[in-house]
Amino acid sequence: METAAKHVETVNGQMQTEIARVRDIVAGSQGNWVGAAAGAFIKIMADYDQKARQLSDVLAEIAVQIRENGRGYDAQEQANLAAMNAAGASGDLGDSASSLNI
């Protein structure tokens, strides 16, 4: 699970790099807009920035959730292993009426 979480973080970093690159290219045209169009351009850029932050936040949260799920899975696996070891150590592998005839 840790590998998957790190992959999501890597992808998030790559996405943010590409988003910033596109933003820089588009922002270079800001001087070409005048009047109402200039205002609309500024609003669109602000929306773009907000959506980029939201995407980054969502991907970061996905990585956190993957890690938490992994820890929960690992803890449950350890509990299952401990229960199996305890049952094996006690010799209690089921009742004597078991179809396993142990």
PDB file of N, CA and C in Angstrom:
ATOM      1  N   MET A   1       0.821  -1.187   0.000  1.00  0.00           N
ATOM      2  CA  MET A   1       0.000   0.000   0.000  1.00  0.00           C
ATOM      3  C   MET A   1       0.873   1.262   0.000  1.00  0.00           C
ATOM      4  N   GLU A   2       1.997   1.172   0.682  1.00  0.00           N
ATOM      5  CA  GLU A   2       2.904   2.329   0.715  1.00  0.00           C
ATOM      6  C   GLU A   2       3.380   2.666  -0.688  1.00  0.00           C
ATOM      7  N   THR A   3       3.659   1.654  -1.484  1.00  0.00           N
ATOM      8  CA  THR A   3       4.104   1.882  -2.863  1.00  0.00           C
ATOM      9  C   THR A   3       3.025   2.597  -3.656  1.00  0.00           C
ATOM     10  N   ALA A   4       1.785   2.185  -3.478  1.00  0.00           N
ATOM     11  CA  ALA A   4       0.670   2.827  -4.186  1.00  0.00           C
ATOM     12  C   ALA A   4       0.513   4.277  -3.738  1.00  0.00           C
ATOM     13  N   ALA A   5       0.635   4.531  -2.445  1.00  0.00           N
ATOM     14  CA  ALA A   5       0.517   5.898  -1.929  1.00  0.00           C
ATOM     15  C   ALA A   5       1.626   6.783  -2.489  1.00  0.00           C
ATOM     16  N   LYS A   6       2.844   6.255  -2.528  1.00  0.00           N
ATOM     17  CA  LYS A   6       3.960   7.032  -3.085  1.00  0.00           C
ATOM     18  C   LYS A   6       3.746   7.302  -4.570  1.00  0.00           C
ATOM     19  N   HIS A   7       3.164   6.334  -5.271  1.00  0.00           N
ATOM     20  CA  HIS A   7       2.889   6.532  -6.703  1.00  0.00           C
ATOM     21  C   HIS A   7       1.880   7.666  -6.893  1.00  0.00           C
ATOM     22  N   VAL A   8       0.839   7.696  -6.076  1.00  0.00           N
ATOM     23  CA  VAL A   8      -0.150   8.777  -6.159  1.00  0.00           C
ATOM     24  C   VAL A   8       0.528  10.117  -5.890  1.00  0.00           C
ATOM     25  N   GLU A   9       1.428  10.160  -4.916  1.00  0.00           N
ATOM     26  CA  GLU A   9       2.147  11.403  -4.623  1.00  0.00           C
ATOM     27  C   GLU A   9       3.045  11.814  -5.784  1.00  0.00           C
ATOM     28  N   THR A  10       3.684  10.852  -6.412  1.00  0.00           N
ATOM     29  CA  THR A  10       4.532  11.147  -7.571  1.00  0.00           C
ATOM     30  C   THR A  10       3.696  11.703  -8.713  1.00  0.00           C
ATOM     31  N   VAL A  11       2.574  11.052  -8.979  1.00  0.00           N
ATOM     32  CA  VAL A  11       1.675  11.523 -10.042  1.00  0.00           C
ATOM     33  C   VAL A  11       1.168  12.922  -9.712  1.00  0.00           C
ATOM     34  N   ASN A  12       0.846  13.165  -8.454  1.00  0.00           N
ATOM     35  CA  ASN A  12       0.388  14.489  -8.039  1.00  0.00           C
ATOM     36  C   ASN A  12       1.462  15.536  -8.337  1.00  0.00           C
ATOM     37  N   GLY A  13       2.692  15.239  -8.001  1.00  0.00           N
ATOM     38  CA  GLY A  13       3.785  16.169  -8.288  1.00  0.00           C
ATOM     39  C   GLY A  13       3.944  16.421  -9.775  1.00  0.00           C
ATOM     40  N   GLN A  14       3.850  15.361 -10.566  1.00  0.00           N
ATOM     41  CA  GLN A  14       3.958  15.508 -12.021  1.00  0.00           C
ATOM     42  C   GLN A  14       2.806  16.340 -12.571  1.00  0.00           C
ATOM     43  N   MET A  15       1.605  16.084 -12.062  1.00  0.00           N
ATOM     44  CA  MET A  15       0.434  16.850 -12.511  1.00  0.00           C
ATOM     45  C   MET A  15       0.603  18.332 -12.176  1.00  0.00           C
ATOM     46  N   GLN A  16       1.056  18.611 -10.958  1.00  0.00           N
ATOM     47  CA  GLN A  16       1.212  20.005 -10.556  1.00  0.00           C
ATOM     48  C   GLN A  16       2.285  20.707 -11.381  1.00  0.00           C
ATOM     49  N   THR A  17       3.335  19.989 -11.736  1.00  0.00           N
ATOM     50  CA  THR A  17       4.371  20.558 -12.604  1.00  0.00           C
ATOM     51  C   THR A  17       3.792  20.901 -13.965  1.00  0.00           C
ATOM     52  N   GLU A  18       3.016  19.988 -14.530  1.00  0.00           N
ATOM     53  CA  GLU A  18       2.417  20.223 -15.843  1.00  0.00           C
ATOM     54  C   GLU A  18       1.368  21.333 -15.784  1.00  0.00           C
ATOM     55  N   ILE A  19       0.576  21.347 -14.735  1.00  0.00           N
ATOM     56  CA  ILE A  19      -0.431  22.402 -14.564  1.00  0.00           C
ATOM     57  C   ILE A  19       0.248  23.764 -14.473  1.00  0.00           C
ATOM     58  N   ALA A  20       1.346  23.844 -13.737  1.00  0.00           N
ATOM     59  CA  ALA A  20       2.084  25.106 -13.610  1.00  0.00           C
ATOM     60  C   ALA A  20       2.684  25.519 -14.951  1.00  0.00           C
ATOM     61  N   ARG A  21       3.178  24.550 -15.718  1.00  0.00           N
ATOM     62  CA  ARG A  21       3.751  24.854 -17.034  1.00  0.00           C
ATOM     63  C   ARG A  21       2.684  25.430 -17.961  1.00  0.00           C
ATOM     64  N   VAL A  22       1.527  24.798 -17.997  1.00  0.00           N
ATOM     65  CA  VAL A  22       0.428  25.290 -18.838  1.00  0.00           C
ATOM     66  C   VAL A  22      -0.010  26.671 -18.362  1.00  0.00           C
ATOM     67  N   ARG A  23      -0.086  26.853 -17.042  1.00  0.00           N
ATOM     68  CA  ARG A  23      -0.498  28.148 -16.506  1.00  0.00           C
ATOM     69  C   ARG A  23       0.467  29.250 -16.947  1.00  0.00           C
ATOM     70  N   ASP A  24       1.758  28.968 -16.874  1.00  0.00           N
ATOM     71  CA  ASP A  24       2.755  29.959 -17.276  1.00  0.00           C
ATOM     72  C   ASP A  24       2.609  30.336 -18.747  1.00  0.00           C
ATOM     73  N   ILE A  25       2.341  29.338 -19.580  1.00  0.00           N
ATOM     74  CA  ILE A  25       2.165  29.614 -21.013  1.00  0.00           C
ATOM     75  C   ILE A  25       0.944  30.501 -21.231  1.00  0.00           C
ATOM     76  N   VAL A  26      -0.168  30.128 -20.616  1.00  0.00           N
ATOM     77  CA  VAL A  26      -1.414  30.878 -20.794  1.00  0.00           C
ATOM     78  C   VAL A  26      -1.295  32.268 -20.171  1.00  0.00           C
ATOM     79  N   ALA A  27      -0.680  32.363 -19.004  1.00  0.00           N
ATOM     80  CA  ALA A  27      -0.536  33.657 -18.332  1.00  0.00           C
ATOM     81  C   ALA A  27       0.266  34.638 -19.180  1.00  0.00           C
ATOM     82  N   GLY A  28       1.121  34.114 -20.036  1.00  0.00           N
ATOM     83  CA  GLY A  28       1.896  34.981 -20.920  1.00  0.00           C
ATOM     84  C   GLY A  28       1.039  35.763 -21.896  1.00  0.00           C
ATOM     85  N   SER A  29      -0.194  35.331 -22.096  1.00  0.00           N
ATOM     86  CA  SER A  29      -1.080  36.041 -23.029  1.00  0.00           C
ATOM     87  C   SER A  29      -1.946  37.080 -22.327  1.00  0.00           C
ATOM     88  N   GLN A  30      -1.785  37.250 -21.027  1.00  0.00           N
ATOM     89  CA  GLN A  30      -2.645  38.157 -20.266  1.00  0.00           C
ATOM     90  C   GLN A  30      -2.637  39.572 -20.834  1.00  0.00           C
ATOM     91  N   GLY A  31      -1.509  40.045 -21.291  1.00  0.00           N
ATOM     92  CA  GLY A  31      -1.416  41.399 -21.830  1.00  0.00           C
ATOM     93  C   GLY A  31      -2.204  41.600 -23.110  1.00  0.00           C
ATOM     94  N   ASN A  32      -2.618  40.530 -23.760  1.00  0.00           N
ATOM     95  CA  ASN A  32      -3.384  40.632 -25.000  1.00  0.00           C
ATOM     96  C   ASN A  32      -4.864  40.884 -24.760  1.00  0.00           C
ATOM     97  N   TRP A  33      -5.311  40.773 -23.529  1.00  0.00           N
ATOM     98  CA  TRP A  33      -6.723  40.924 -23.208  1.00  0.00           C
ATOM     99  C   TRP A  33      -6.976  42.326 -22.655  1.00  0.00           C
ATOM    100  N   VAL A  34      -8.066  42.949 -23.100  1.00  0.00           N
ATOM    101  CA  VAL A  34      -8.418  44.298 -22.637  1.00  0.00           C
ATOM    102  C   VAL A  34      -9.895  44.334 -22.254  1.00  0.00           C
ATOM    103  N   GLY A  35     -10.230  45.288 -21.412  1.00  0.00           N
ATOM    104  CA  GLY A  35     -11.627  45.493 -21.039  1.00  0.00           C
ATOM    105  C   GLY A  35     -12.222  44.305 -20.305  1.00  0.00           C
ATOM    106  N   ALA A  36     -13.473  43.988 -20.685  1.00  0.00           N
ATOM    107  CA  ALA A  36     -14.197  42.885 -20.047  1.00  0.00           C
ATOM    108  C   ALA A  36     -13.468  41.559 -20.251  1.00  0.00           C
ATOM    109  N   ALA A  37     -12.836  41.410 -21.400  1.00  0.00           N
ATOM    110  CA  ALA A  37     -12.101  40.173 -21.681  1.00  0.00           C
ATOM    111  C   ALA A  37     -10.939  40.010 -20.702  1.00  0.00           C
ATOM    112  N   ALA A  38     -10.289  41.116 -20.338  1.00  0.00           N
ATOM    113  CA  ALA A  38      -9.188  41.050 -19.372  1.00  0.00           C
ATOM    114  C   ALA A  38      -9.707  40.586 -18.014  1.00  0.00           C
ATOM    115  N   GLY A  39     -10.858  41.111 -17.622  1.00  0.00           N
ATOM    116  CA  GLY A  39     -11.470  40.690 -16.359  1.00  0.00           C
ATOM    117  C   GLY A  39     -11.846  39.218 -16.382  1.00  0.00           C
ATOM    118  N   ALA A  40     -12.395  38.774 -17.514  1.00  0.00           N
ATOM    119  CA  ALA A  40     -12.770  37.367 -17.658  1.00  0.00           C
ATOM    120  C   ALA A  40     -11.523  36.483 -17.602  1.00  0.00           C
ATOM    121  N   PHE A  41     -10.447  36.945 -18.236  1.00  0.00           N
ATOM    122  CA  PHE A  41      -9.201  36.181 -18.227  1.00  0.00           C
ATOM    123  C   PHE A  41      -8.693  36.001 -16.793  1.00  0.00           C
ATOM    124  N   ILE A  42      -8.713  37.076 -16.025  1.00  0.00           N
ATOM    125  CA  ILE A  42      -8.252  37.018 -14.636  1.00  0.00           C
ATOM    126  C   ILE A  42      -9.103  36.037 -13.831  1.00  0.00           C
ATOM    127  N   LYS A  43     -10.425  36.080 -14.052  1.00  0.00           N
ATOM    128  CA  LYS A  43     -11.319  35.162 -13.343  1.00  0.00           C
ATOM    129  C   LYS A  43     -11.032  33.713 -13.735  1.00  0.00           C
ATOM    130  N   ILE A  44     -10.843  33.477 -15.015  1.00  0.00           N
ATOM    131  CA  ILE A  44     -10.556  32.119 -15.482  1.00  0.00           C
ATOM    132  C   ILE A  44      -9.243  31.612 -14.886  1.00  0.00           C
ATOM    133  N   MET A  45      -8.250  32.473 -14.821  1.00  0.00           N
ATOM    134  CA  MET A  45      -6.967  32.063 -14.240  1.00  0.00           C
ATOM    135  C   MET A  45      -7.119  31.747 -12.750  1.00  0.00           C
ATOM    136  N   ALA A  46      -7.929  32.547 -12.052  1.00  0.00           N
ATOM    137  CA  ALA A  46      -8.175  32.279 -10.628  1.00  0.00           C
ATOM    138  C   ALA A  46      -8.898  30.938 -10.459  1.00  0.00           C
ATOM    139  N   ASP A  47      -9.873  30.677 -11.327  1.00  0.00           N
ATOM    140  CA  ASP A  47     -10.583  29.391 -11.294  1.00  0.00           C
ATOM    141  C   ASP A  47      -9.618  28.238 -11.578  1.00  0.00           C
ATOM    142  N   TYR A  48      -8.740  28.436 -12.547  1.00  0.00           N
ATOM    143  CA  TYR A  48      -7.745  27.421 -12.907  1.00  0.00           C
ATOM    144  C   TYR A  48      -6.864  27.105 -11.698  1.00  0.00           C
ATOM    145  N   ASP A  49      -6.407  28.159 -11.029  1.00  0.00           N
ATOM    146  CA  ASP A  49      -5.561  27.971  -9.849  1.00  0.00           C
ATOM    147  C   ASP A  49      -6.309  27.225  -8.744  1.00  0.00           C
ATOM    148  N   GLN A  50      -7.577  27.587  -8.540  1.00  0.00           N
ATOM    149  CA  GLN A  50      -8.379  26.927  -7.512  1.00  0.00           C
ATOM    150  C   GLN A  50      -8.565  25.444  -7.837  1.00  0.00           C
ATOM    151  N   LYS A  51      -8.870  25.137  -9.079  1.00  0.00           N
ATOM    152  CA  LYS A  51      -9.071  23.736  -9.478  1.00  0.00           C
ATOM    153  C   LYS A  51      -7.763  22.947  -9.366  1.00  0.00           C
ATOM    154  N   ALA A  52      -6.651  23.588  -9.672  1.00  0.00           N
ATOM    155  CA  ALA A  52      -5.354  22.918  -9.543  1.00  0.00           C
ATOM    156  C   ALA A  52      -5.083  22.571  -8.083  1.00  0.00           C
ATOM    157  N   ARG A  53      -5.393  23.501  -7.174  1.00  0.00           N
ATOM    158  CA  ARG A  53      -5.217  23.236  -5.739  1.00  0.00           C
ATOM    159  C   ARG A  53      -6.141  22.108  -5.280  1.00  0.00           C
ATOM    160  N   GLN A  54      -7.392  22.144  -5.769  1.00  0.00           N
ATOM    161  CA  GLN A  54      -8.340  21.094  -5.387  1.00  0.00           C
ATOM    162  C   GLN A  54      -7.858  19.722  -5.858  1.00  0.00           C
ATOM    163  N   LEU A  55      -7.357  19.664  -7.082  1.00  0.00           N
ATOM    164  CA  LEU A  55      -6.842  18.400  -7.604  1.00  0.00           C
ATOM    165  C   LEU A  55      -5.686  17.904  -6.742  1.00  0.00           C
ATOM    166  N   SER A  56      -4.776  18.798  -6.413  1.00  0.00           N
ATOM    167  CA  SER A  56      -3.635  18.429  -5.577  1.00  0.00           C
ATOM    168  C   SER A  56      -4.099  17.933  -4.214  1.00  0.00           C
ATOM    169  N   ASP A  57      -5.059  18.643  -3.626  1.00  0.00           N
ATOM    170  CA  ASP A  57      -5.576  18.250  -2.312  1.00  0.00           C
ATOM    171  C   ASP A  57      -6.243  16.878  -2.356  1.00  0.00           C
ATOM    172  N   VAL A  58      -7.024  16.632  -3.411  1.00  0.00           N
ATOM    173  CA  VAL A  58      -7.712  15.342  -3.538  1.00  0.00           C
ATOM    174  C   VAL A  58      -6.698  14.213  -3.702  1.00  0.00           C
ATOM    175  N   LEU A  59      -5.700  14.416  -4.542  1.00  0.00           N
ATOM    176  CA  LEU A  59      -4.688  13.374  -4.733  1.00  0.00           C
ATOM    177  C   LEU A  59      -3.899  13.131  -3.446  1.00  0.00           C
ATOM    178  N   ALA A  60      -3.595  14.202  -2.722  1.00  0.00           N
ATOM    179  CA  ALA A  60      -2.893  14.042  -1.440  1.00  0.00           C
ATOM    180  C   ALA A  60      -3.755  13.255  -0.459  1.00  0.00           C
ATOM    181  N   GLU A  61      -5.048  13.537  -0.433  1.00  0.00           N
ATOM    182  CA  GLU A  61      -5.955  12.816   0.465  1.00  0.00           C
ATOM    183  C   GLU A  61      -6.072  11.346   0.063  1.00  0.00           C
ATOM    184  N   ILE A  62      -6.073  11.072  -1.232  1.00  0.00           N
ATOM    185  CA  ILE A  62      -6.103   9.683  -1.696  1.00  0.00           C
ATOM    186  C   ILE A  62      -4.869   8.940  -1.182  1.00  0.00           C
ATOM    187  N   ALA A  63      -3.708   9.576  -1.265  1.00  0.00           N
ATOM    188  CA  ALA A  63      -2.479   8.944  -0.767  1.00  0.00           C
ATOM    189  C   ALA A  63      -2.579   8.669   0.734  1.00  0.00           C
ATOM    190  N   VAL A  64      -3.122   9.620   1.484  1.00  0.00           N
ATOM    191  CA  VAL A  64      -3.301   9.435   2.930  1.00  0.00           C
ATOM    192  C   VAL A  64      -4.229   8.252   3.196  1.00  0.00           C
ATOM    193  N   GLN A  65      -5.344   8.190   2.472  1.00  0.00           N
ATOM    194  CA  GLN A  65      -6.314   7.107   2.674  1.00  0.00           C
ATOM    195  C   GLN A  65      -5.720   5.745   2.314  1.00  0.00           C
ATOM    196  N   ILE A  66      -4.932   5.705   1.248  1.00  0.00           N
ATOM    197  CA  ILE A  66      -4.280   4.444   0.876  1.00  0.00           C
ATOM    198  C   ILE A  66      -3.359   3.988   2.005  1.00  0.00           C
ATOM    199  N   ARG A  67      -2.588   4.912   2.561  1.00  0.00           N
ATOM    200  CA  ARG A  67      -1.692   4.566   3.674  1.00  0.00           C
ATOM    201  C   ARG A  67      -2.485   4.061   4.883  1.00  0.00           C
ATOM    202  N   GLU A  68      -3.556   4.775   5.225  1.00  0.00           N
ATOM    203  CA  GLU A  68      -4.362   4.370   6.380  1.00  0.00           C
ATOM    204  C   GLU A  68      -4.985   2.999   6.155  1.00  0.00           C
ATOM    205  N   ASN A  69      -5.481   2.755   4.954  1.00  0.00           N
ATOM    206  CA  ASN A  69      -6.047   1.442   4.646  1.00  0.00           C
ATOM    207  C   ASN A  69      -4.980   0.360   4.745  1.00  0.00           C
ATOM    208  N   GLY A  70      -3.777   0.680   4.294  1.00  0.00           N
ATOM    209  CA  GLY A  70      -2.676  -0.271   4.380  1.00  0.00           C
ATOM    210  C   GLY A  70      -2.339  -0.611   5.816  1.00  0.00           C
ATOM    211  N   ARG A  71      -2.326   0.403   6.685  1.00  0.00           N
ATOM    212  CA  ARG A  71      -2.045   0.149   8.103  1.00  0.00           C
ATOM    213  C   ARG A  71      -3.149  -0.709   8.720  1.00  0.00           C
ATOM    214  N   GLY A  72      -4.391  -0.421   8.367  1.00  0.00           N
ATOM    215  CA  GLY A  72      -5.501  -1.226   8.873  1.00  0.00           C
ATOM    216  C   GLY A  72      -5.412  -2.659   8.390  1.00  0.00           C
ATOM    217  N   TYR A  73      -5.058  -2.832   7.140  1.00  0.00           N
ATOM    218  CA  TYR A  73      -4.912  -4.171   6.565  1.00  0.00           C
ATOM    219  C   TYR A  73      -3.786  -4.923   7.267  1.00  0.00           C
ATOM    220  N   ASP A  74      -2.650  -4.253   7.443  1.00  0.00           N
ATOM    221  CA  ASP A  74      -1.506  -4.888   8.111  1.00  0.00           C
ATOM    222  C   ASP A  74      -1.857  -5.284   9.546  1.00  0.00           C
ATOM    223  N   ALA A  75      -2.564  -4.404  10.247  1.00  0.00           N
ATOM    224  CA  ALA A  75      -2.949  -4.703  11.631  1.00  0.00           C
ATOM    225  C   ALA A  75      -3.882  -5.913  11.674  1.00  0.00           C
ATOM    226  N   GLN A  76      -4.824  -5.989  10.754  1.00  0.00           N
ATOM    227  CA  GLN A  76      -5.746  -7.127  10.719  1.00  0.00           C
ATOM    228  C   GLN A  76      -5.007  -8.415  10.378  1.00  0.00           C
ATOM    229  N   GLU A  77      -4.066  -8.335   9.451  1.00  0.00           N
ATOM    230  CA  GLU A  77      -3.269  -9.515   9.104  1.00  0.00           C
ATOM    231  C   GLU A  77      -2.477 -10.012  10.309  1.00  0.00           C
ATOM    232  N   GLN A  78      -1.901  -9.082  11.069  1.00  0.00           N
ATOM    233  CA  GLN A  78      -1.154  -9.467  12.272  1.00  0.00           C
ATOM    234  C   GLN A  78      -2.076 -10.118  13.300  1.00  0.00           C
ATOM    235  N   ALA A  79      -3.280  -9.567  13.457  1.00  0.00           N
ATOM    236  CA  ALA A  79      -4.243 -10.137  14.399  1.00  0.00           C
ATOM    237  C   ALA A  79      -4.652 -11.543  13.961  1.00  0.00           C
ATOM    238  N   ASN A  80      -4.882 -11.724  12.675  1.00  0.00           N
ATOM    239  CA  ASN A  80      -5.245 -13.049  12.159  1.00  0.00           C
ATOM    240  C   ASN A  80      -4.113 -14.051  12.379  1.00  0.00           C
ATOM    241  N   LEU A  81      -2.890 -13.625  12.104  1.00  0.00           N
ATOM    242  CA  LEU A  81      -1.735 -14.499  12.296  1.00  0.00           C
ATOM    243  C   LEU A  81      -1.580 -14.880  13.765  1.00  0.00           C
ATOM    244  N   ALA A  82      -1.743 -13.910  14.648  1.00  0.00           N
ATOM    245  CA  ALA A  82      -1.638 -14.180  16.085  1.00  0.00           C
ATOM    246  C   ALA A  82      -2.722 -15.160  16.523  1.00  0.00           C
ATOM    247  N   ALA A  83      -3.933 -14.995  16.004  1.00  0.00           N
ATOM    248  CA  ALA A  83      -5.027 -15.904  16.367  1.00  0.00           C
ATOM    249  C   ALA A  83      -4.745 -17.318  15.872  1.00  0.00           C
ATOM    250  N   MET A  84      -4.218 -17.438  14.659  1.00  0.00           N
ATOM    251  CA  MET A  84      -3.893 -18.766  14.131  1.00  0.00           C
ATOM    252  C   MET A  84      -2.763 -19.401  14.932  1.00  0.00           C
ATOM    253  N   ASN A  85      -1.754 -18.608  15.281  1.00  0.00           N
ATOM    254  CA  ASN A  85      -0.640 -19.132  16.079  1.00  0.00           C
ATOM    255  C   ASN A  85      -1.117 -19.572  17.457  1.00  0.00           C
ATOM    256  N   ALA A  86      -2.005 -18.788  18.058  1.00  0.00           N
ATOM    257  CA  ALA A  86      -2.528 -19.131  19.379  1.00  0.00           C
ATOM    258  C   ALA A  86      -3.347 -20.415  19.309  1.00  0.00           C
ATOM    259  N   ALA A  87      -4.153 -20.548  18.281  1.00  0.00           N
ATOM    260  CA  ALA A  87      -4.966 -21.763  18.132  1.00  0.00           C
ATOM    261  C   ALA A  87      -4.068 -22.970  17.907  1.00  0.00           C
ATOM    262  N   GLY A  88      -3.047 -22.813  17.103  1.00  0.00           N
ATOM    263  CA  GLY A  88      -2.122 -23.916  16.838  1.00  0.00           C
ATOM    264  C   GLY A  88      -1.322 -24.293  18.062  1.00  0.00           C
ATOM    265  N   ALA A  89      -0.898 -23.301  18.848  1.00  0.00           N
ATOM    266  CA  ALA A  89      -0.094 -23.557  20.040  1.00  0.00           C
ATOM    267  C   ALA A  89      -0.910 -24.251  21.120  1.00  0.00           C
ATOM    268  N   SER A  90      -2.198 -23.968  21.166  1.00  0.00           N
ATOM    269  CA  SER A  90      -3.043 -24.575  22.199  1.00  0.00           C
ATOM    270  C   SER A  90      -3.507 -25.965  21.807  1.00  0.00           C
ATOM    271  N   GLY A  91      -3.297 -26.321  20.565  1.00  0.00           N
ATOM    272  CA  GLY A  91      -3.758 -27.614  20.092  1.00  0.00           C
ATOM    273  C   GLY A  91      -5.241 -27.624  19.792  1.00  0.00           C
ATOM    274  N   ASP A  92      -5.900 -26.491  19.953  1.00  0.00           N
ATOM    275  CA  ASP A  92      -7.339 -26.382  19.729  1.00  0.00           C
ATOM    276  C   ASP A  92      -7.601 -26.074  18.265  1.00  0.00           C
ATOM    277  N   LEU A  93      -7.703 -27.105  17.493  1.00  0.00           N
ATOM    278  CA  LEU A  93      -7.947 -26.921  16.061  1.00  0.00           C
ATOM    279  C   LEU A  93      -9.396 -27.221  15.707  1.00  0.00           C
ATOM    280  N   GLY A  94     -10.249 -27.244  16.671  1.00  0.00           N
ATOM    281  CA  GLY A  94     -11.662 -27.506  16.437  1.00  0.00           C
ATOM    282  C   GLY A  94     -12.138 -28.597  17.370  1.00  0.00           C
ATOM    283  N   ASP A  95     -13.452 -28.840  17.358  1.00  0.00           N
ATOM    284  CA  ASP A  95     -13.970 -29.881  18.248  1.00  0.00           C
ATOM    285  C   ASP A  95     -13.680 -31.265  17.681  1.00  0.00           C
ATOM    286  N   SER A  96     -13.793 -32.258  18.522  1.00  0.00           N
ATOM    287  CA  SER A  96     -13.453 -33.619  18.099  1.00  0.00           C
ATOM    288  C   SER A  96     -14.436 -34.173  17.087  1.00  0.00           C
ATOM    289  N   ALA A  97     -15.581 -33.533  16.939  1.00  0.00           N
ATOM    290  CA  ALA A  97     -16.566 -33.987  15.963  1.00  0.00           C
ATOM    291  C   ALA A  97     -16.276 -33.416  14.585  1.00  0.00           C
ATOM    292  N   SER A  98     -15.146 -32.763  14.456  1.00  0.00           N
ATOM    293  CA  SER A  98     -14.786 -32.133  13.192  1.00  0.00           C
ATOM    294  C   SER A  98     -14.636 -33.169  12.093  1.00  0.00           C
ATOM    295  N   SER A  99     -14.956 -32.757  10.899  1.00  0.00           N
ATOM    296  CA  SER A  99     -14.799 -33.651   9.753  1.00  0.00           C
ATOM    297  C   SER A  99     -13.331 -33.847   9.398  1.00  0.00           C
ATOM    298  N   LEU A 100     -12.446 -33.077  10.039  1.00  0.00           N
ATOM    299  CA  LEU A 100     -11.018 -33.220   9.766  1.00  0.00           C
ATOM    300  C   LEU A 100     -10.423 -34.422  10.492  1.00  0.00           C
ATOM    301  N   ASN A 101     -11.128 -34.923  11.507  1.00  0.00           N
ATOM    302  CA  ASN A 101     -10.670 -36.063  12.306  1.00  0.00           C
ATOM    303  C   ASN A 101      -9.253 -35.862  12.837  1.00  0.00           C
ATOM    304  N   ILE A 102      -9.044 -34.713  13.447  1.00  0.00           N
ATOM    305  CA  ILE A 102      -7.721 -34.385  13.990  1.00  0.00           C
ATOM    306  C   ILE A 102      -7.646 -34.801  15.434  1.00  0.00           C
TER     307      ILE A 102
END
